[in-house]
Amino acid sequence: MPTRRHTLVLPELGLGSREVLASLWLVELGDTLTAGDRLLEVLAGSVTIDLPAPASGVLVEMLVAEDEPLSVGQPLAVIESDEDPPPEPFA
């Protein structure tokens, strides 16, 4: 089965216009992950949110540094796996 790349992007967090920062990577490059594992902690004011891995596989790219400002839709990490991408949510 071919390897697929799954990209974690910063979702709309519903926090208004607060600046969002990459706070802490909770895994290391090369780690094997299960979909839903805590991957990256982001900080918006006093609110901390853990972003989950979008798929099971190996973390092959960390696209942002800790303390880096983030924007909605920004790619944050890439996971390689043999899984199909998750289905698109209904609008």
PDB file of N, CA and C in Angstrom:
ATOM      1  N   MET A   1       0.856  -1.183   0.000  1.00  0.00           N
ATOM      2  CA  MET A   1       0.000   0.000   0.000  1.00  0.00           C
ATOM      3  C   MET A   1       0.900   1.244   0.000  1.00  0.00           C
ATOM      4  N   PRO A   2       0.568   2.240  -0.826  1.00  0.00           N
ATOM      5  CA  PRO A   2       1.421   3.432  -0.887  1.00  0.00           C
ATOM      6  C   PRO A   2       1.345   4.263   0.390  1.00  0.00           C
ATOM      7  N   THR A   3       2.443   4.947   0.656  1.00  0.00           N
ATOM      8  CA  THR A   3       2.489   5.828   1.821  1.00  0.00           C
ATOM      9  C   THR A   3       1.737   7.105   1.505  1.00  0.00           C
ATOM     10  N   ARG A   4       0.951   7.572   2.476  1.00  0.00           N
ATOM     11  CA  ARG A   4       0.201   8.813   2.330  1.00  0.00           C
ATOM     12  C   ARG A   4       0.728   9.825   3.331  1.00  0.00           C
ATOM     13  N   ARG A   5       0.597  11.093   2.967  1.00  0.00           N
ATOM     14  CA  ARG A   5       1.018  12.185   3.848  1.00  0.00           C
ATOM     15  C   ARG A   5      -0.229  12.883   4.374  1.00  0.00           C
ATOM     16  N   HIS A   6      -0.322  13.014   5.686  1.00  0.00           N
ATOM     17  CA  HIS A   6      -1.434  13.694   6.347  1.00  0.00           C
ATOM     18  C   HIS A   6      -0.871  14.946   7.008  1.00  0.00           C
ATOM     19  N   THR A   7      -1.474  16.085   6.728  1.00  0.00           N
ATOM     20  CA  THR A   7      -0.993  17.344   7.280  1.00  0.00           C
ATOM     21  C   THR A   7      -1.919  17.828   8.385  1.00  0.00           C
ATOM     22  N   LEU A   8      -1.346  18.122   9.530  1.00  0.00           N
ATOM     23  CA  LEU A   8      -2.088  18.766  10.610  1.00  0.00           C
ATOM     24  C   LEU A   8      -2.081  20.254  10.326  1.00  0.00           C
ATOM     25  N   VAL A   9      -3.267  20.854  10.246  1.00  0.00           N
ATOM     26  CA  VAL A   9      -3.367  22.299  10.055  1.00  0.00           C
ATOM     27  C   VAL A   9      -4.071  22.900  11.273  1.00  0.00           C
ATOM     28  N   LEU A  10      -3.787  24.164  11.529  1.00  0.00           N
ATOM     29  CA  LEU A  10      -4.430  24.827  12.664  1.00  0.00           C
ATOM     30  C   LEU A  10      -5.893  25.078  12.320  1.00  0.00           C
ATOM     31  N   PRO A  11      -6.816  24.472  13.083  1.00  0.00           N
ATOM     32  CA  PRO A  11      -8.239  24.689  12.830  1.00  0.00           C
ATOM     33  C   PRO A  11      -8.704  26.017  13.421  1.00  0.00           C
ATOM     34  N   GLU A  12      -9.886  26.425  13.047  1.00  0.00           N
ATOM     35  CA  GLU A  12     -10.535  27.575  13.687  1.00  0.00           C
ATOM     36  C   GLU A  12     -10.857  27.137  15.113  1.00  0.00           C
ATOM     37  N   LEU A  13     -10.362  27.841  16.085  1.00  0.00           N
ATOM     38  CA  LEU A  13     -10.511  27.440  17.486  1.00  0.00           C
ATOM     39  C   LEU A  13     -11.640  28.178  18.195  1.00  0.00           C
ATOM     40  N   GLY A  14     -12.256  29.130  17.521  1.00  0.00           N
ATOM     41  CA  GLY A  14     -13.362  29.865  18.129  1.00  0.00           C
ATOM     42  C   GLY A  14     -12.927  30.782  19.255  1.00  0.00           C
ATOM     43  N   LEU A  15     -11.717  31.304  19.152  1.00  0.00           N
ATOM     44  CA  LEU A  15     -11.181  32.159  20.216  1.00  0.00           C
ATOM     45  C   LEU A  15     -11.101  33.622  19.798  1.00  0.00           C
ATOM     46  N   GLY A  16     -11.813  33.969  18.740  1.00  0.00           N
ATOM     47  CA  GLY A  16     -11.819  35.357  18.301  1.00  0.00           C
ATOM     48  C   GLY A  16     -10.486  35.766  17.710  1.00  0.00           C
ATOM     49  N   SER A  17     -10.072  36.980  18.014  1.00  0.00           N
ATOM     50  CA  SER A  17      -8.858  37.529  17.404  1.00  0.00           C
ATOM     51  C   SER A  17      -7.609  37.344  18.272  1.00  0.00           C
ATOM     52  N   ARG A  18      -7.678  36.480  19.264  1.00  0.00           N
ATOM     53  CA  ARG A  18      -6.490  36.245  20.103  1.00  0.00           C
ATOM     54  C   ARG A  18      -5.346  35.662  19.280  1.00  0.00           C
ATOM     55  N   GLU A  19      -4.125  36.105  19.582  1.00  0.00           N
ATOM     56  CA  GLU A  19      -2.951  35.525  18.930  1.00  0.00           C
ATOM     57  C   GLU A  19      -2.775  34.092  19.416  1.00  0.00           C
ATOM     58  N   VAL A  20      -2.495  33.197  18.484  1.00  0.00           N
ATOM     59  CA  VAL A  20      -2.272  31.789  18.798  1.00  0.00           C
ATOM     60  C   VAL A  20      -0.793  31.485  18.570  1.00  0.00           C
ATOM     61  N   LEU A  21      -0.172  30.844  19.556  1.00  0.00           N
ATOM     62  CA  LEU A  21       1.245  30.478  19.477  1.00  0.00           C
ATOM     63  C   LEU A  21       1.397  28.967  19.576  1.00  0.00           C
ATOM     64  N   ALA A  22       2.384  28.431  18.841  1.00  0.00           N
ATOM     65  CA  ALA A  22       2.789  27.048  19.055  1.00  0.00           C
ATOM     66  C   ALA A  22       3.513  27.034  20.396  1.00  0.00           C
ATOM     67  N   SER A  23       2.989  26.309  21.350  1.00  0.00           N
ATOM     68  CA  SER A  23       3.545  26.356  22.699  1.00  0.00           C
ATOM     69  C   SER A  23       4.564  25.240  22.953  1.00  0.00           C
ATOM     70  N   LEU A  24       4.165  23.987  22.675  1.00  0.00           N
ATOM     71  CA  LEU A  24       5.016  22.854  23.045  1.00  0.00           C
ATOM     72  C   LEU A  24       4.715  21.655  22.167  1.00  0.00           C
ATOM     73  N   TRP A  25       5.747  21.127  21.518  1.00  0.00           N
ATOM     74  CA  TRP A  25       5.590  19.853  20.811  1.00  0.00           C
ATOM     75  C   TRP A  25       5.531  18.749  21.857  1.00  0.00           C
ATOM     76  N   LEU A  26       4.552  17.874  21.749  1.00  0.00           N
ATOM     77  CA  LEU A  26       4.352  16.803  22.723  1.00  0.00           C
ATOM     78  C   LEU A  26       4.946  15.472  22.253  1.00  0.00           C
ATOM     79  N   VAL A  27       5.528  15.484  21.051  1.00  0.00           N
ATOM     80  CA  VAL A  27       6.173  14.309  20.464  1.00  0.00           C
ATOM     81  C   VAL A  27       7.466  14.773  19.803  1.00  0.00           C
ATOM     82  N   GLU A  28       8.246  13.812  19.324  1.00  0.00           N
ATOM     83  CA  GLU A  28       9.494  14.134  18.644  1.00  0.00           C
ATOM     84  C   GLU A  28       9.444  13.651  17.206  1.00  0.00           C
ATOM     85  N   LEU A  29      10.224  14.289  16.362  1.00  0.00           N
ATOM     86  CA  LEU A  29      10.340  13.888  14.969  1.00  0.00           C
ATOM     87  C   LEU A  29      10.719  12.414  14.907  1.00  0.00           C
ATOM     88  N   GLY A  30      10.008  11.654  14.069  1.00  0.00           N
ATOM     89  CA  GLY A  30      10.277  10.224  13.935  1.00  0.00           C
ATOM     90  C   GLY A  30       9.425   9.345  14.829  1.00  0.00           C
ATOM     91  N   ASP A  31       8.674   9.961  15.757  1.00  0.00           N
ATOM     92  CA  ASP A  31       7.799   9.178  16.642  1.00  0.00           C
ATOM     93  C   ASP A  31       6.665   8.537  15.847  1.00  0.00           C
ATOM     94  N   THR A  32       6.272   7.339  16.280  1.00  0.00           N
ATOM     95  CA  THR A  32       5.108   6.668  15.725  1.00  0.00           C
ATOM     96  C   THR A  32       3.891   7.094  16.532  1.00  0.00           C
ATOM     97  N   LEU A  33       2.839   7.534  15.827  1.00  0.00           N
ATOM     98  CA  LEU A  33       1.651   8.089  16.466  1.00  0.00           C
ATOM     99  C   LEU A  33       0.411   7.284  16.107  1.00  0.00           C
ATOM    100  N   THR A  34      -0.584   7.388  16.952  1.00  0.00           N
ATOM    101  CA  THR A  34      -1.914   6.865  16.687  1.00  0.00           C
ATOM    102  C   THR A  34      -2.829   8.053  16.484  1.00  0.00           C
ATOM    103  N   ALA A  35      -3.737   7.944  15.528  1.00  0.00           N
ATOM    104  CA  ALA A  35      -4.685   9.038  15.284  1.00  0.00           C
ATOM    105  C   ALA A  35      -5.311   9.459  16.605  1.00  0.00           C
ATOM    106  N   GLY A  36      -5.317  10.766  16.856  1.00  0.00           N
ATOM    107  CA  GLY A  36      -5.878  11.296  18.094  1.00  0.00           C
ATOM    108  C   GLY A  36      -4.856  11.557  19.178  1.00  0.00           C
ATOM    109  N   ASP A  37      -3.638  11.021  19.027  1.00  0.00           N
ATOM    110  CA  ASP A  37      -2.589  11.310  20.013  1.00  0.00           C
ATOM    111  C   ASP A  37      -2.345  12.812  20.079  1.00  0.00           C
ATOM    112  N   ARG A  38      -2.047  13.310  21.267  1.00  0.00           N
ATOM    113  CA  ARG A  38      -1.717  14.732  21.429  1.00  0.00           C
ATOM    114  C   ARG A  38      -0.394  14.994  20.712  1.00  0.00           C
ATOM    115  N   LEU A  39      -0.410  15.984  19.816  1.00  0.00           N
ATOM    116  CA  LEU A  39       0.748  16.241  18.969  1.00  0.00           C
ATOM    117  C   LEU A  39       1.410  17.573  19.290  1.00  0.00           C
ATOM    118  N   LEU A  40       0.606  18.632  19.370  1.00  0.00           N
ATOM    119  CA  LEU A  40       1.131  19.979  19.566  1.00  0.00           C
ATOM    120  C   LEU A  40       0.202  20.758  20.485  1.00  0.00           C
ATOM    121  N   GLU A  41       0.794  21.421  21.461  1.00  0.00           N
ATOM    122  CA  GLU A  41       0.043  22.296  22.359  1.00  0.00           C
ATOM    123  C   GLU A  41       0.121  23.715  21.805  1.00  0.00           C
ATOM    124  N   VAL A  42      -1.037  24.367  21.664  1.00  0.00           N
ATOM    125  CA  VAL A  42      -1.057  25.763  21.226  1.00  0.00           C
ATOM    126  C   VAL A  42      -1.653  26.607  22.344  1.00  0.00           C
ATOM    127  N   LEU A  43      -1.258  27.872  22.356  1.00  0.00           N
ATOM    128  CA  LEU A  43      -1.652  28.779  23.422  1.00  0.00           C
ATOM    129  C   LEU A  43      -2.292  30.020  22.804  1.00  0.00           C
ATOM    130  N   ALA A  44      -3.460  30.393  23.333  1.00  0.00           N
ATOM    131  CA  ALA A  44      -4.144  31.618  22.911  1.00  0.00           C
ATOM    132  C   ALA A  44      -4.560  32.344  24.173  1.00  0.00           C
ATOM    133  N   GLY A  45      -3.812  33.387  24.544  1.00  0.00           N
ATOM    134  CA  GLY A  45      -4.057  34.054  25.821  1.00  0.00           C
ATOM    135  C   GLY A  45      -3.778  33.074  26.942  1.00  0.00           C
ATOM    136  N   SER A  46      -4.770  32.847  27.796  1.00  0.00           N
ATOM    137  CA  SER A  46      -4.592  31.898  28.898  1.00  0.00           C
ATOM    138  C   SER A  46      -5.184  30.524  28.576  1.00  0.00           C
ATOM    139  N   VAL A  47      -5.614  30.322  27.321  1.00  0.00           N
ATOM    140  CA  VAL A  47      -6.227  29.053  26.900  1.00  0.00           C
ATOM    141  C   VAL A  47      -5.171  28.178  26.230  1.00  0.00           C
ATOM    142  N   THR A  48      -5.060  26.935  26.707  1.00  0.00           N
ATOM    143  CA  THR A  48      -4.150  25.958  26.124  1.00  0.00           C
ATOM    144  C   THR A  48      -4.970  24.865  25.468  1.00  0.00           C
ATOM    145  N   ILE A  49      -4.616  24.527  24.231  1.00  0.00           N
ATOM    146  CA  ILE A  49      -5.341  23.505  23.477  1.00  0.00           C
ATOM    147  C   ILE A  49      -4.328  22.524  22.904  1.00  0.00           C
ATOM    148  N   ASP A  50      -4.592  21.224  23.078  1.00  0.00           N
ATOM    149  CA  ASP A  50      -3.750  20.184  22.488  1.00  0.00           C
ATOM    150  C   ASP A  50      -4.356  19.778  21.153  1.00  0.00           C
ATOM    151  N   LEU A  51      -3.558  19.829  20.094  1.00  0.00           N
ATOM    152  CA  LEU A  51      -4.027  19.423  18.775  1.00  0.00           C
ATOM    153  C   LEU A  51      -3.681  17.957  18.558  1.00  0.00           C
ATOM    154  N   PRO A  52      -4.644  17.158  18.072  1.00  0.00           N
ATOM    155  CA  PRO A  52      -4.418  15.723  17.902  1.00  0.00           C
ATOM    156  C   PRO A  52      -3.820  15.379  16.539  1.00  0.00           C
ATOM    157  N   ALA A  53      -3.161  14.242  16.490  1.00  0.00           N
ATOM    158  CA  ALA A  53      -2.645  13.708  15.228  1.00  0.00           C
ATOM    159  C   ALA A  53      -3.833  13.369  14.331  1.00  0.00           C
ATOM    160  N   PRO A  54      -3.811  13.785  13.056  1.00  0.00           N
ATOM    161  CA  PRO A  54      -4.925  13.526  12.159  1.00  0.00           C
ATOM    162  C   PRO A  54      -4.972  12.094  11.636  1.00  0.00           C
ATOM    163  N   ALA A  55      -3.900  11.331  11.834  1.00  0.00           N
ATOM    164  CA  ALA A  55      -3.837   9.953  11.348  1.00  0.00           C
ATOM    165  C   ALA A  55      -2.759   9.207  12.116  1.00  0.00           C
ATOM    166  N   SER A  56      -2.809   7.889  12.060  1.00  0.00           N
ATOM    167  CA  SER A  56      -1.742   7.068  12.631  1.00  0.00           C
ATOM    168  C   SER A  56      -0.588   7.013  11.650  1.00  0.00           C
ATOM    169  N   GLY A  57       0.632   6.993  12.161  1.00  0.00           N
ATOM    170  CA  GLY A  57       1.802   6.921  11.293  1.00  0.00           C
ATOM    171  C   GLY A  57       3.019   7.485  11.983  1.00  0.00           C
ATOM    172  N   VAL A  58       3.971   7.966  11.188  1.00  0.00           N
ATOM    173  CA  VAL A  58       5.232   8.498  11.694  1.00  0.00           C
ATOM    174  C   VAL A  58       5.296   9.994  11.435  1.00  0.00           C
ATOM    175  N   LEU A  59       5.667  10.762  12.470  1.00  0.00           N
ATOM    176  CA  LEU A  59       5.828  12.206  12.324  1.00  0.00           C
ATOM    177  C   LEU A  59       7.106  12.458  11.527  1.00  0.00           C
ATOM    178  N   VAL A  60       6.947  13.018  10.305  1.00  0.00           N
ATOM    179  CA  VAL A  60       8.105  13.216   9.433  1.00  0.00           C
ATOM    180  C   VAL A  60       8.490  14.686   9.272  1.00  0.00           C
ATOM    181  N   GLU A  61       7.578  15.601   9.605  1.00  0.00           N
ATOM    182  CA  GLU A  61       7.912  17.024   9.512  1.00  0.00           C
ATOM    183  C   GLU A  61       7.222  17.791  10.630  1.00  0.00           C
ATOM    184  N   MET A  62       7.972  18.677  11.258  1.00  0.00           N
ATOM    185  CA  MET A  62       7.442  19.640  12.227  1.00  0.00           C
ATOM    186  C   MET A  62       7.637  20.999  11.552  1.00  0.00           C
ATOM    187  N   LEU A  63       6.554  21.625  11.119  1.00  0.00           N
ATOM    188  CA  LEU A  63       6.627  22.797  10.253  1.00  0.00           C
ATOM    189  C   LEU A  63       6.662  24.123  10.992  1.00  0.00           C
ATOM    190  N   VAL A  64       6.491  24.095  12.313  1.00  0.00           N
ATOM    191  CA  VAL A  64       6.536  25.325  13.109  1.00  0.00           C
ATOM    192  C   VAL A  64       7.405  25.095  14.334  1.00  0.00           C
ATOM    193  N   ALA A  65       7.968  26.180  14.823  1.00  0.00           N
ATOM    194  CA  ALA A  65       8.798  26.130  16.027  1.00  0.00           C
ATOM    195  C   ALA A  65       7.963  26.520  17.242  1.00  0.00           C
ATOM    196  N   GLU A  66       8.384  26.065  18.401  1.00  0.00           N
ATOM    197  CA  GLU A  66       7.736  26.496  19.645  1.00  0.00           C
ATOM    198  C   GLU A  66       7.845  28.011  19.754  1.00  0.00           C
ATOM    199  N   ASP A  67       6.806  28.647  20.270  1.00  0.00           N
ATOM    200  CA  ASP A  67       6.682  30.098  20.444  1.00  0.00           C
ATOM    201  C   ASP A  67       6.432  30.853  19.133  1.00  0.00           C
ATOM    202  N   GLU A  68       6.222  30.133  18.034  1.00  0.00           N
ATOM    203  CA  GLU A  68       5.944  30.773  16.748  1.00  0.00           C
ATOM    204  C   GLU A  68       4.458  31.153  16.657  1.00  0.00           C
ATOM    205  N   PRO A  69       4.142  32.370  16.212  1.00  0.00           N
ATOM    206  CA  PRO A  69       2.739  32.745  15.992  1.00  0.00           C
ATOM    207  C   PRO A  69       2.145  31.910  14.856  1.00  0.00           C
ATOM    208  N   LEU A  70       0.867  31.550  15.006  1.00  0.00           N
ATOM    209  CA  LEU A  70       0.189  30.692  14.035  1.00  0.00           C
ATOM    210  C   LEU A  70      -1.040  31.385  13.473  1.00  0.00           C
ATOM    211  N   SER A  71      -1.495  30.911  12.313  1.00  0.00           N
ATOM    212  CA  SER A  71      -2.747  31.413  11.740  1.00  0.00           C
ATOM    213  C   SER A  71      -3.609  30.227  11.311  1.00  0.00           C
ATOM    214  N   VAL A  72      -4.921  30.439  11.319  1.00  0.00           N
ATOM    215  CA  VAL A  72      -5.868  29.392  10.954  1.00  0.00           C
ATOM    216  C   VAL A  72      -5.547  28.876   9.556  1.00  0.00           C
ATOM    217  N   GLY A  73      -5.536  27.561   9.413  1.00  0.00           N
ATOM    218  CA  GLY A  73      -5.254  26.925   8.138  1.00  0.00           C
ATOM    219  C   GLY A  73      -3.777  26.675   7.876  1.00  0.00           C
ATOM    220  N   GLN A  74      -2.917  27.145   8.766  1.00  0.00           N
ATOM    221  CA  GLN A  74      -1.475  26.979   8.590  1.00  0.00           C
ATOM    222  C   GLN A  74      -1.077  25.520   8.806  1.00  0.00           C
ATOM    223  N   PRO A  75      -0.295  24.928   7.893  1.00  0.00           N
ATOM    224  CA  PRO A  75       0.222  23.575   8.110  1.00  0.00           C
ATOM    225  C   PRO A  75       1.193  23.562   9.292  1.00  0.00           C
ATOM    226  N   LEU A  76       1.040  22.572  10.170  1.00  0.00           N
ATOM    227  CA  LEU A  76       1.847  22.493  11.384  1.00  0.00           C
ATOM    228  C   LEU A  76       2.775  21.282  11.413  1.00  0.00           C
ATOM    229  N   ALA A  77       2.297  20.167  10.870  1.00  0.00           N
ATOM    230  CA  ALA A  77       3.077  18.930  10.928  1.00  0.00           C
ATOM    231  C   ALA A  77       2.616  17.995   9.821  1.00  0.00           C
ATOM    232  N   VAL A  78       3.487  17.039   9.461  1.00  0.00           N
ATOM    233  CA  VAL A  78       3.154  16.041   8.456  1.00  0.00           C
ATOM    234  C   VAL A  78       3.421  14.660   9.029  1.00  0.00           C
ATOM    235  N   ILE A  79       2.433  13.779   8.843  1.00  0.00           N
ATOM    236  CA  ILE A  79       2.528  12.387   9.279  1.00  0.00           C
ATOM    237  C   ILE A  79       2.449  11.510   8.039  1.00  0.00           C
ATOM    238  N   GLU A  80       3.347  10.557   7.912  1.00  0.00           N
ATOM    239  CA  GLU A  80       3.278   9.579   6.829  1.00  0.00           C
ATOM    240  C   GLU A  80       2.681   8.299   7.375  1.00  0.00           C
ATOM    241  N   SER A  81       1.745   7.723   6.599  1.00  0.00           N
ATOM    242  CA  SER A  81       1.098   6.484   7.031  1.00  0.00           C
ATOM    243  C   SER A  81       0.575   5.724   5.825  1.00  0.00           C
ATOM    244  N   ASP A  82       0.043   4.554   6.099  1.00  0.00           N
ATOM    245  CA  ASP A  82      -0.595   3.746   5.066  1.00  0.00           C
ATOM    246  C   ASP A  82      -2.107   3.905   5.115  1.00  0.00           C
ATOM    247  N   GLU A  83      -2.602   4.804   5.974  1.00  0.00           N
ATOM    248  CA  GLU A  83      -4.050   5.020   6.117  1.00  0.00           C
ATOM    249  C   GLU A  83      -4.579   5.940   5.033  1.00  0.00           C
ATOM    250  N   ASP A  84      -5.843   5.739   4.686  1.00  0.00           N
ATOM    251  CA  ASP A  84      -6.532   6.694   3.836  1.00  0.00           C
ATOM    252  C   ASP A  84      -6.770   7.967   4.633  1.00  0.00           C
ATOM    253  N   PRO A  85      -6.871   9.104   3.959  1.00  0.00           N
ATOM    254  CA  PRO A  85      -7.172  10.335   4.696  1.00  0.00           C
ATOM    255  C   PRO A  85      -8.537  10.249   5.347  1.00  0.00           C
ATOM    256  N   PRO A  86      -8.740  10.949   6.465  1.00  0.00           N
ATOM    257  CA  PRO A  86     -10.048  10.925   7.126  1.00  0.00           C
ATOM    258  C   PRO A  86     -11.094  11.557   6.228  1.00  0.00           C
ATOM    259  N   PRO A  87     -12.354  11.149   6.359  1.00  0.00           N
ATOM    260  CA  PRO A  87     -13.405  11.735   5.527  1.00  0.00           C
ATOM    261  C   PRO A  87     -13.595  13.208   5.861  1.00  0.00           C
ATOM    262  N   GLU A  88     -14.011  13.982   4.857  1.00  0.00           N
ATOM    263  CA  GLU A  88     -14.287  15.398   5.063  1.00  0.00           C
ATOM    264  C   GLU A  88     -15.541  15.539   5.911  1.00  0.00           C
ATOM    265  N   PRO A  89     -15.546  16.460   6.886  1.00  0.00           N
ATOM    266  CA  PRO A  89     -16.757  16.662   7.684  1.00  0.00           C
ATOM    267  C   PRO A  89     -17.841  17.302   6.835  1.00  0.00           C
ATOM    268  N   PHE A  90     -19.089  17.048   7.201  1.00  0.00           N
ATOM    269  CA  PHE A  90     -20.218  17.651   6.496  1.00  0.00           C
ATOM    270  C   PHE A  90     -20.284  19.118   6.840  1.00  0.00           C
ATOM    271  N   ALA A  91     -20.657  19.939   5.876  1.00  0.00           N
ATOM    272  CA  ALA A  91     -20.774  21.386   6.109  1.00  0.00           C
ATOM    273  C   ALA A  91     -22.081  21.708   6.794  1.00  0.00           C
TER     274      ALA A  91
END
